[in-house]
Structure formats: C-alpha cells, structure tokens
Amino acid sequence: MKNPSWRMPFALALILVGSHGLAAWGAECAVGVNVNSFQNFSAPEQQVIVEQLKQSKVRFVRTSLRPDDKNMNLAKTLQSDGIGLVLAPGVEFSPEAPLRPADAKRHMRSAKPLSYADPELSRANFQNVFDKLDAYGVALTGVELGNEINWTDFNGDFPIPGQGKSFNIDDLSKDPEAKQVAQGFLQYLKVLAALKEVRDHSKLNQHTPIISAGMAAVSGGAWQKNLQVDGVSIPATYAFLRAHGLDQLVDGYGVHDYPPVVKPGDKAAAAQREAQLDKSIFPPGNTKPYWLTEWGFQSVAKSSAEDKERARSVAEMRAYFLNLSRKGRLGGIFWYVWNEPDRDSIYRGGSLMDAGRQAVAPMPGR
C-alpha cells in the first residue's frame, strides 16, 4: 500500500487473461503490471499502450475496464496479442448505504461501508460483465473482487479519524470498531458467493480462478498512528475470512505490499525484510496461493543508468518471489505501475527500464 493519491480507482478492476493465461494458472506464476486509467483512454490511446506492452514483452495486465464496447474491444485485442488480463469487479452497495466523506488532510478518499454491500445488486453487475465477456470471446485468468477492503481508504466501515491501529483476530470480536468491520467482511463473503455462482454458469470462464481483494499491508506503524487511520492485518483478515468459509469461494488470496529498500550487502536487513514478508504478507499455512497484485519500488530516475538501486531491489525481491512460487504459494505478481508520470512507473522515456525488465520477466518454472 502506498500514498493513496497515486492509486488507481477500482470501480471495475480487471485482471483479464488471454487464452495462454488459462494454461498459466497452476502451471506458472503470472507476472505482469498494473496500467492505470486504461478504461478512460481513447481507443487510439489504448492501442499505444498495448503496443508498448507488446514491445516490452509484458504478458499479463491488471487494470480497470468497464463492460462497454470500447473496453471489451480492448480486452479482446489484448487477448489476441497474447497479453493476459486478470477481472476484479467491485461490489455494489445498497441504495441506503451512507458515504463516509473524504479526508484531504489524511489523503483518505470517500468510501461506503462494506457492511452495506448488496449481494443481489452485485450479482446483476457480475452477470452483465460475464455475459459481455462471453459475447466478445474473452477468457479470464482470474477475477479479483474488490480492493484493499481491510483498511480505512477503501472501506467506509472504518471511521475517520480512527485509533491508528492494526486490528488482530481477537479485535474483530471484541473491539467495537473492529466488530463493525467484521460485519462488512461477512457481507463481502456473501458477494463473493454471488460472484462464484455467476462465474460457475458462464460459458468461457467457468474455471476462471476467483481471487479475494488485494489486502493492504497495514501493520500499525508510526504512519498509521500519525494519521489516525486503522486497518486489519493481512493475517488477521484472512484468518477471519477463512473461518467463515472463504476457501469454498476463492482460488487465491490477493495481497499488496511495497517492500522497504535495504542497503547493498546488508544481509541482516535483507533477512529481516524477508522475515517480515513471511509473517505479515505471505504467512504460511493457508491452502490457496497468494496473488501479489500490487508491488514495487519508487524512483525518480529518468534512465536505467540512474535507476540501478531500484533494479537491485527488484532482483532481490524476484529471488524471494521465486522461492514462494516454487513452493506453490504464489499465483501471480503485478508491478505497480506502468504509466508515466508516476514514481513507481517502469516505462519511461519511450522504453522499459532495466528494473522493469526484471520485474516483468517470466517466473522460472516450478
């Protein structure tokens, strides 16, 4: 998770995948990128990005797409060009759902409470999307429902200001605020069930893996305390959801993380970073693979020659991810973000930077 002002909206985030992507599920770790605002570009602008992705040998994309003709044509084009896409429709809310106001001071957006998610309205939306995909002949690699539902920025069940805490599994049954968040999680499971039912009856996507919302890495650090914003840790979120039937509804667990940079040769710091990832982002013991649908390192470099530190950090993380993948614990990794201008972008000045080439390289086989 990063500064929310740089984040893409997820009214309808699609991680769509082409025909080769279906085979990739289970056979390899899908490696790709996020493309911000893809759905809002004109068709010619979209095609420019498609050409960039093709020339850079990017095989998978995570983005936002509406089920209109322009964007379904984009999905079809990407599939035809061998670029996979994964699909994450957002939940639909009850008409009575209140809107928690945005907070500019804390860079928090306005958000409706997840506890007001409406399974039937969501089902109708899912049906429309899957019918369009069938009509356009688009097969998906995965469907990721929602985005960072486990913290303040995307879930109106969290008040602003909050306690500056990262809630644990016990808090979800004891703390008044966390108990309300838990009610939203239960409602989310009902929407997941509606998605699964629609998926199961689609023509082209009956076996498309369902991935739960990419969860934010909220650990109760100083930044949370300073901003007075709350979240539920990734391990606690998935422990709660699994205890209430998540594993019967999904094929993978979505997570987000932006690892810290360590100094060259600092083996102790590198080991500490990996230990923290093992504990807080990819805890063992779960039955489904993790999908890291957002990760990356920031840089203001304008060329690969200026971007060597980031390239080194990417190489270090790719080695860690390879270990997870070979253990069958990683389903996909998606760099945040492709587009310029952005401090996380890896395509700059008309070419893919060295850090980007490492980030999007296919994962060696298991």
Protein backbone atom coordinates (compact mmCIF):
# COMPACT_ATOMS: atom_id res chain seq x y z
CA MET A 1 0.00 0.00 0.00
CA LYS A 2 1.27 3.46 -0.81
CA ASN A 3 0.21 7.09 -0.87
CA PRO A 4 -3.48 6.77 -1.85
CA SER A 5 -3.30 9.85 -4.08
CA TRP A 6 -1.28 7.72 -6.51
CA ARG A 7 -3.66 4.79 -6.51
CA MET A 8 -5.97 3.75 -9.34
CA PRO A 9 -9.73 3.51 -8.79
CA PHE A 10 -11.24 0.06 -8.67
CA ALA A 11 -14.86 0.59 -9.66
CA LEU A 12 -14.23 -2.28 -12.07
CA ALA A 13 -10.69 -3.57 -11.90
CA LEU A 14 -10.00 -6.29 -14.43
CA ILE A 15 -7.21 -8.80 -14.24
CA LEU A 16 -8.29 -10.41 -17.53
CA VAL A 17 -6.21 -13.09 -19.15
CA GLY A 18 -5.90 -14.34 -22.70
CA SER A 19 -6.01 -17.94 -23.83
CA HIS A 20 -2.43 -18.63 -22.79
CA GLY A 21 -3.28 -17.24 -19.35
CA LEU A 22 -5.70 -20.04 -18.59
CA ALA A 23 -2.92 -22.54 -19.01
CA ALA A 24 -0.70 -20.36 -16.85
CA TRP A 25 -2.91 -20.84 -13.80
CA GLY A 26 -1.36 -23.65 -11.84
CA ALA A 27 1.48 -24.08 -14.35
CA GLU A 28 3.33 -20.83 -13.66
CA CYS A 29 3.25 -17.66 -11.62
CA ALA A 30 1.60 -14.95 -13.73
CA VAL A 31 3.91 -11.92 -13.91
CA GLY A 32 2.53 -8.59 -15.09
CA VAL A 33 1.87 -4.91 -14.48
CA ASN A 34 -0.87 -2.52 -13.45
CA VAL A 35 -1.98 0.02 -16.08
CA ASN A 36 -3.74 2.99 -14.50
CA SER A 37 -6.87 4.50 -16.07
CA PHE A 38 -6.72 2.16 -19.07
CA GLN A 39 -10.51 2.28 -19.37
CA ASN A 40 -10.59 6.08 -19.59
CA PHE A 41 -8.20 6.47 -22.52
CA SER A 42 -9.49 6.82 -26.06
CA ALA A 43 -9.27 3.74 -28.27
CA PRO A 44 -6.17 5.12 -30.10
CA GLU A 45 -4.50 5.92 -26.75
CA GLN A 46 -5.29 2.44 -25.50
CA GLN A 47 -3.67 0.96 -28.61
CA VAL A 48 -0.47 2.93 -27.96
CA ILE A 49 -0.21 1.30 -24.53
CA VAL A 50 -0.96 -2.12 -25.99
CA GLU A 51 1.96 -1.65 -28.39
CA GLN A 52 4.21 -0.60 -25.50
CA LEU A 53 3.25 -3.74 -23.59
CA LYS A 54 3.82 -5.96 -26.63
CA GLN A 55 7.23 -4.48 -27.41
CA SER A 56 8.22 -4.84 -23.76
CA LYS A 57 7.10 -8.48 -23.69
CA VAL A 58 4.61 -7.92 -20.86
CA ARG A 59 2.39 -11.00 -20.65
CA PHE A 60 -0.23 -10.02 -18.07
CA VAL A 61 -2.02 -6.80 -17.14
CA ARG A 62 -4.14 -5.71 -14.21
CA THR A 63 -6.33 -2.71 -14.89
CA SER A 64 -9.78 -1.13 -14.68
CA LEU A 65 -12.19 -1.78 -17.55
CA ARG A 66 -15.88 -1.04 -17.93
CA PRO A 67 -18.05 -3.59 -19.80
CA ASP A 68 -18.70 -1.20 -22.71
CA ASP A 69 -17.83 -1.78 -26.35
CA LYS A 70 -14.59 0.23 -26.29
CA ASN A 71 -13.18 -1.60 -23.31
CA MET A 72 -14.40 -5.04 -24.31
CA ASN A 73 -12.67 -4.47 -27.65
CA LEU A 74 -9.53 -3.60 -25.68
CA ALA A 75 -9.86 -6.84 -23.71
CA LYS A 76 -10.26 -8.76 -26.95
CA THR A 77 -7.25 -7.01 -28.51
CA LEU A 78 -5.04 -7.78 -25.53
CA GLN A 79 -6.09 -11.40 -25.62
CA SER A 80 -5.43 -11.61 -29.36
CA ASP A 81 -1.98 -10.11 -28.84
CA GLY A 82 -1.12 -12.70 -26.19
CA ILE A 83 -1.30 -10.27 -23.27
CA GLY A 84 -3.24 -11.62 -20.34
CA LEU A 85 -5.59 -9.55 -18.32
CA VAL A 86 -6.98 -10.73 -14.57
CA LEU A 87 -11.03 -9.28 -13.61
CA ALA A 88 -11.94 -7.65 -10.32
CA PRO A 89 -15.41 -6.15 -10.35
CA GLY A 90 -16.19 -4.07 -7.30
CA VAL A 91 -19.12 -4.73 -5.01
CA GLU A 92 -22.44 -2.92 -5.48
CA PHE A 93 -23.92 -1.20 -2.44
CA SER A 94 -27.43 -0.87 -1.08
CA PRO A 95 -29.12 2.42 -2.05
CA GLU A 96 -29.28 3.19 1.68
CA ALA A 97 -25.51 2.96 2.09
CA PRO A 98 -24.07 6.12 3.68
CA LEU A 99 -20.96 7.73 2.20
CA ARG A 100 -18.13 8.47 4.59
CA PRO A 101 -16.65 11.80 3.45
CA ALA A 102 -13.14 12.07 2.08
CA ASP A 103 -10.43 13.46 4.34
CA ALA A 104 -7.93 15.55 2.40
CA LYS A 105 -5.65 16.02 5.41
CA ARG A 106 -5.11 12.27 5.65
CA HIS A 107 -5.35 11.62 1.89
CA MET A 108 -8.29 9.26 2.51
CA ARG A 109 -10.98 9.00 -0.14
CA SER A 110 -14.72 8.88 0.43
CA ALA A 111 -15.99 5.33 0.88
CA LYS A 112 -19.17 3.40 1.53
CA PRO A 113 -19.24 0.83 4.35
CA LEU A 114 -18.58 -2.71 3.18
CA SER A 115 -21.33 -3.81 5.57
CA TYR A 116 -23.79 -2.22 3.11
CA ALA A 117 -22.61 -4.33 0.17
CA ASP A 118 -25.63 -5.74 -1.69
CA PRO A 119 -25.20 -9.33 -2.95
CA GLU A 120 -28.13 -9.20 -5.39
CA LEU A 121 -27.19 -5.88 -6.97
CA SER A 122 -23.64 -7.18 -7.20
CA ARG A 123 -24.87 -10.39 -8.81
CA ALA A 124 -26.65 -8.42 -11.53
CA ASN A 125 -23.48 -6.47 -12.25
CA PHE A 126 -21.38 -9.64 -12.38
CA GLN A 127 -23.88 -11.22 -14.77
CA ASN A 128 -23.64 -8.23 -17.11
CA VAL A 129 -19.83 -8.37 -17.10
CA PHE A 130 -19.59 -12.12 -17.69
CA ASP A 131 -22.23 -12.01 -20.42
CA LYS A 132 -20.20 -9.31 -22.21
CA LEU A 133 -17.01 -11.32 -21.86
CA ASP A 134 -18.75 -14.37 -23.33
CA ALA A 135 -20.10 -12.27 -26.19
CA TYR A 136 -16.63 -10.92 -27.00
CA GLY A 137 -14.94 -14.28 -26.59
CA VAL A 138 -12.71 -13.17 -23.72
CA ALA A 139 -11.45 -15.76 -21.25
CA LEU A 140 -10.06 -14.58 -17.92
CA THR A 141 -7.10 -15.68 -15.86
CA GLY A 142 -8.64 -14.51 -12.63
CA VAL A 143 -11.37 -12.43 -11.03
CA GLU A 144 -10.22 -10.27 -8.11
CA LEU A 145 -13.20 -8.96 -6.16
CA GLY A 146 -12.59 -5.52 -4.68
CA ASN A 147 -9.53 -3.68 -3.48
CA GLU A 148 -7.95 -3.18 -0.03
CA ILE A 149 -11.15 -3.73 1.90
CA ASN A 150 -9.13 -4.20 5.10
CA TRP A 151 -8.33 -0.54 5.79
CA THR A 152 -9.71 2.96 6.02
CA ASP A 153 -9.08 4.25 2.50
CA PHE A 154 -11.38 1.79 0.69
CA ASN A 155 -13.86 0.72 3.40
CA GLY A 156 -16.30 3.15 5.00
CA ASP A 157 -16.81 0.85 7.99
CA PHE A 158 -13.55 2.37 9.30
CA PRO A 159 -14.20 5.82 10.83
CA ILE A 160 -12.01 8.88 10.27
CA PRO A 161 -10.23 9.60 12.50
CA GLY A 162 -9.62 6.13 13.85
CA GLN A 163 -7.38 4.67 16.52
CA GLY A 164 -4.23 4.36 14.42
CA LYS A 165 -4.30 0.59 14.92
CA SER A 166 -3.80 -2.62 13.03
CA PHE A 167 -6.51 -4.89 14.40
CA ASN A 168 -5.79 -8.55 15.11
CA ILE A 169 -8.10 -11.55 15.01
CA ASP A 170 -9.23 -11.05 18.63
CA ASP A 171 -10.11 -7.41 17.99
CA LEU A 172 -12.62 -8.49 15.33
CA SER A 173 -14.79 -9.97 18.07
CA LYS A 174 -14.03 -7.52 20.88
CA ASP A 175 -13.20 -4.00 19.71
CA PRO A 176 -16.39 -2.04 18.80
CA GLU A 177 -14.89 -0.55 15.61
CA ALA A 178 -13.31 -3.83 14.53
CA LYS A 179 -16.57 -5.69 15.18
CA GLN A 180 -18.31 -3.39 12.68
CA VAL A 181 -15.53 -4.08 10.17
CA ALA A 182 -16.06 -7.80 10.73
CA GLN A 183 -19.72 -7.38 9.76
CA GLY A 184 -18.54 -5.90 6.48
CA PHE A 185 -16.23 -8.87 5.93
CA LEU A 186 -19.18 -11.23 6.39
CA GLN A 187 -21.18 -9.23 3.87
CA TYR A 188 -18.23 -9.40 1.48
CA LEU A 189 -18.35 -13.19 1.65
CA LYS A 190 -21.98 -13.09 0.51
CA VAL A 191 -20.96 -11.02 -2.51
CA LEU A 192 -18.15 -13.48 -3.22
CA ALA A 193 -20.71 -16.28 -3.20
CA ALA A 194 -22.78 -14.38 -5.78
CA LEU A 195 -19.69 -13.89 -7.94
CA LYS A 196 -18.85 -17.57 -7.75
CA GLU A 197 -22.37 -18.58 -8.80
CA VAL A 198 -22.24 -16.29 -11.85
CA ARG A 199 -18.73 -17.46 -12.70
CA ASP A 200 -19.76 -21.10 -12.43
CA HIS A 201 -22.51 -20.60 -15.03
CA SER A 202 -20.55 -18.55 -17.56
CA LYS A 203 -19.66 -20.05 -20.94
CA LEU A 204 -15.98 -19.19 -21.20
CA ASN A 205 -15.00 -18.55 -17.60
CA GLN A 206 -16.46 -21.43 -15.58
CA HIS A 207 -12.99 -22.33 -14.31
CA THR A 208 -11.55 -18.83 -14.03
CA PRO A 209 -9.91 -18.55 -10.58
CA ILE A 210 -11.53 -16.17 -8.12
CA ILE A 211 -9.07 -14.08 -6.11
CA SER A 212 -10.10 -12.23 -2.95
CA ALA A 213 -9.50 -8.48 -2.74
CA GLY A 214 -5.87 -7.39 -2.68
CA MET A 215 -5.39 -6.62 1.01
CA ALA A 216 -3.30 -3.67 2.22
CA ALA A 217 -0.19 -4.16 4.33
CA VAL A 218 -1.37 -2.36 7.46
CA SER A 219 0.80 -3.21 10.46
CA GLY A 220 0.06 -0.40 12.91
CA GLY A 221 3.24 1.54 12.18
CA ALA A 222 4.00 5.14 13.03
CA TRP A 223 2.35 6.45 9.86
CA GLN A 224 -0.98 4.90 10.93
CA LYS A 225 -0.70 6.37 14.40
CA ASN A 226 0.17 9.79 13.00
CA LEU A 227 -2.74 9.77 10.55
CA GLN A 228 -5.16 8.05 12.97
CA VAL A 229 -6.24 5.52 10.35
CA ASP A 230 -6.96 1.86 11.01
CA GLY A 231 -6.78 -1.48 9.30
CA VAL A 232 -6.92 -5.20 9.90
CA SER A 233 -3.64 -7.02 9.35
CA ILE A 234 -3.43 -9.35 6.37
CA PRO A 235 -3.01 -12.48 8.55
CA ALA A 236 -5.99 -11.50 10.74
CA THR A 237 -8.15 -10.61 7.73
CA TYR A 238 -7.58 -13.95 6.07
CA ALA A 239 -7.86 -15.90 9.31
CA PHE A 240 -11.30 -14.36 9.88
CA LEU A 241 -12.48 -14.82 6.30
CA ARG A 242 -11.25 -18.42 6.15
CA ALA A 243 -13.00 -19.21 9.43
CA HIS A 244 -16.25 -18.08 7.78
CA GLY A 245 -15.96 -20.02 4.54
CA LEU A 246 -13.56 -18.10 2.27
CA ASP A 247 -11.80 -21.21 0.97
CA GLN A 248 -15.05 -22.56 -0.51
CA LEU A 249 -15.39 -19.37 -2.59
CA VAL A 250 -11.91 -18.42 -3.84
CA ASP A 251 -8.90 -19.94 -5.55
CA GLY A 252 -6.34 -17.38 -4.37
CA TYR A 253 -5.69 -14.66 -1.80
CA GLY A 254 -4.96 -11.11 -3.00
CA VAL A 255 -2.30 -9.08 -1.19
CA HIS A 256 -0.44 -5.78 -1.73
CA ASP A 257 2.99 -4.78 -0.46
CA TYR A 258 5.68 -2.20 -1.16
CA PRO A 259 8.83 -3.64 0.44
CA PRO A 260 11.47 -1.40 2.03
CA VAL A 261 14.80 -0.87 0.29
CA VAL A 262 17.82 -2.38 2.06
CA LYS A 263 21.43 -1.27 1.67
CA PRO A 264 23.69 -3.28 -0.65
CA GLY A 265 25.30 -6.17 1.19
CA ASP A 266 23.22 -5.72 4.35
CA LYS A 267 22.33 -9.37 4.82
CA ALA A 268 20.75 -8.78 8.23
CA ALA A 269 18.37 -6.16 6.85
CA ALA A 270 17.52 -8.37 3.86
CA ALA A 271 16.79 -11.30 6.16
CA GLN A 272 14.63 -9.08 8.36
CA ARG A 273 12.67 -7.89 5.31
CA GLU A 274 12.01 -11.47 4.22
CA ALA A 275 11.01 -12.49 7.74
CA GLN A 276 8.52 -9.63 7.86
CA LEU A 277 7.09 -10.65 4.49
CA ASP A 278 6.75 -14.25 5.70
CA LYS A 279 4.95 -13.06 8.81
CA SER A 280 2.76 -10.19 7.62
CA ILE A 281 2.15 -10.62 3.87
CA PHE A 282 2.59 -14.29 2.95
CA PRO A 283 2.03 -16.20 6.19
CA PRO A 284 2.31 -19.98 5.75
CA GLY A 285 -0.49 -22.41 6.50
CA ASN A 286 -3.08 -21.12 4.05
CA THR A 287 -4.49 -23.53 1.47
CA LYS A 288 -4.55 -21.20 -1.56
CA PRO A 289 -1.76 -19.35 -3.38
CA TYR A 290 -1.21 -15.64 -2.82
CA TRP A 291 -1.61 -13.16 -5.67
CA LEU A 292 0.56 -10.09 -5.13
CA THR A 293 -1.48 -7.75 -7.30
CA GLU A 294 0.45 -4.61 -6.34
CA TRP A 295 4.14 -4.31 -5.52
CA GLY A 296 7.06 -2.11 -6.46
CA PHE A 297 9.70 0.45 -5.55
CA GLN A 298 9.65 4.19 -6.16
CA SER A 299 12.22 6.02 -8.23
CA VAL A 300 12.59 9.44 -9.88
CA ALA A 301 15.29 8.17 -12.27
CA LYS A 302 14.86 9.09 -15.92
CA SER A 303 17.12 6.34 -17.25
CA SER A 304 18.26 2.85 -16.32
CA ALA A 305 21.73 4.22 -15.59
CA GLU A 306 20.17 6.36 -12.84
CA ASP A 307 17.92 3.55 -11.64
CA LYS A 308 20.44 0.92 -10.55
CA GLU A 309 19.36 0.88 -6.89
CA ARG A 310 15.79 0.08 -7.86
CA ALA A 311 16.97 -2.61 -10.29
CA ARG A 312 18.97 -4.18 -7.45
CA SER A 313 15.94 -4.13 -5.15
CA VAL A 314 13.78 -5.74 -7.84
CA ALA A 315 16.33 -8.52 -8.34
CA GLU A 316 16.37 -9.21 -4.61
CA MET A 317 12.61 -9.44 -4.42
CA ARG A 318 12.35 -11.60 -7.52
CA ALA A 319 14.61 -14.15 -5.82
CA TYR A 320 12.28 -14.16 -2.81
CA PHE A 321 9.20 -14.49 -5.02
CA LEU A 322 10.79 -17.36 -6.95
CA ASN A 323 11.14 -19.31 -3.71
CA LEU A 324 7.45 -18.75 -2.89
CA SER A 325 6.44 -19.72 -6.42
CA ARG A 326 8.41 -22.96 -6.37
CA LYS A 327 6.61 -23.89 -3.15
CA GLY A 328 3.25 -23.32 -4.89
CA ARG A 329 2.46 -20.37 -2.63
CA LEU A 330 2.40 -17.63 -5.27
CA GLY A 331 -0.12 -17.36 -8.11
CA GLY A 332 0.91 -14.03 -9.61
CA ILE A 333 2.82 -10.77 -9.14
CA PHE A 334 1.80 -7.44 -10.71
CA TRP A 335 4.11 -4.41 -10.61
CA TYR A 336 2.60 -1.06 -9.67
CA VAL A 337 2.66 0.80 -12.08
CA TRP A 338 3.24 1.04 -15.87
CA ASN A 339 2.03 4.56 -16.65
CA GLU A 340 4.03 7.76 -16.73
CA PRO A 341 4.29 10.03 -14.82
CA ASP A 342 4.44 8.16 -11.52
CA ARG A 343 7.26 7.50 -9.07
CA ASP A 344 6.53 3.77 -9.35
CA SER A 345 6.38 3.59 -13.16
CA ILE A 346 8.81 1.33 -15.03
CA TYR A 347 8.12 2.52 -18.59
CA ARG A 348 9.74 5.93 -19.07
CA GLY A 349 11.05 7.91 -21.99
CA GLY A 350 9.60 5.53 -24.53
CA SER A 351 11.21 2.34 -23.21
CA LEU A 352 11.09 -0.20 -20.40
CA MET A 353 13.72 0.45 -17.74
CA ASP A 354 16.11 -2.27 -16.56
CA ALA A 355 14.21 -2.54 -13.28
CA GLY A 356 11.06 -3.08 -15.32
CA ARG A 357 12.62 -5.80 -17.46
CA GLN A 358 13.46 -7.70 -14.29
CA ALA A 359 10.03 -7.02 -12.78
CA VAL A 360 8.07 -8.40 -15.76
CA ALA A 361 10.34 -11.30 -16.68
CA PRO A 362 8.50 -14.66 -16.62
CA MET A 363 8.93 -16.63 -13.43
CA PRO A 364 11.07 -19.75 -13.94
CA GLY A 365 9.01 -22.91 -13.84
CA ARG A 366 8.27 -24.80 -10.68
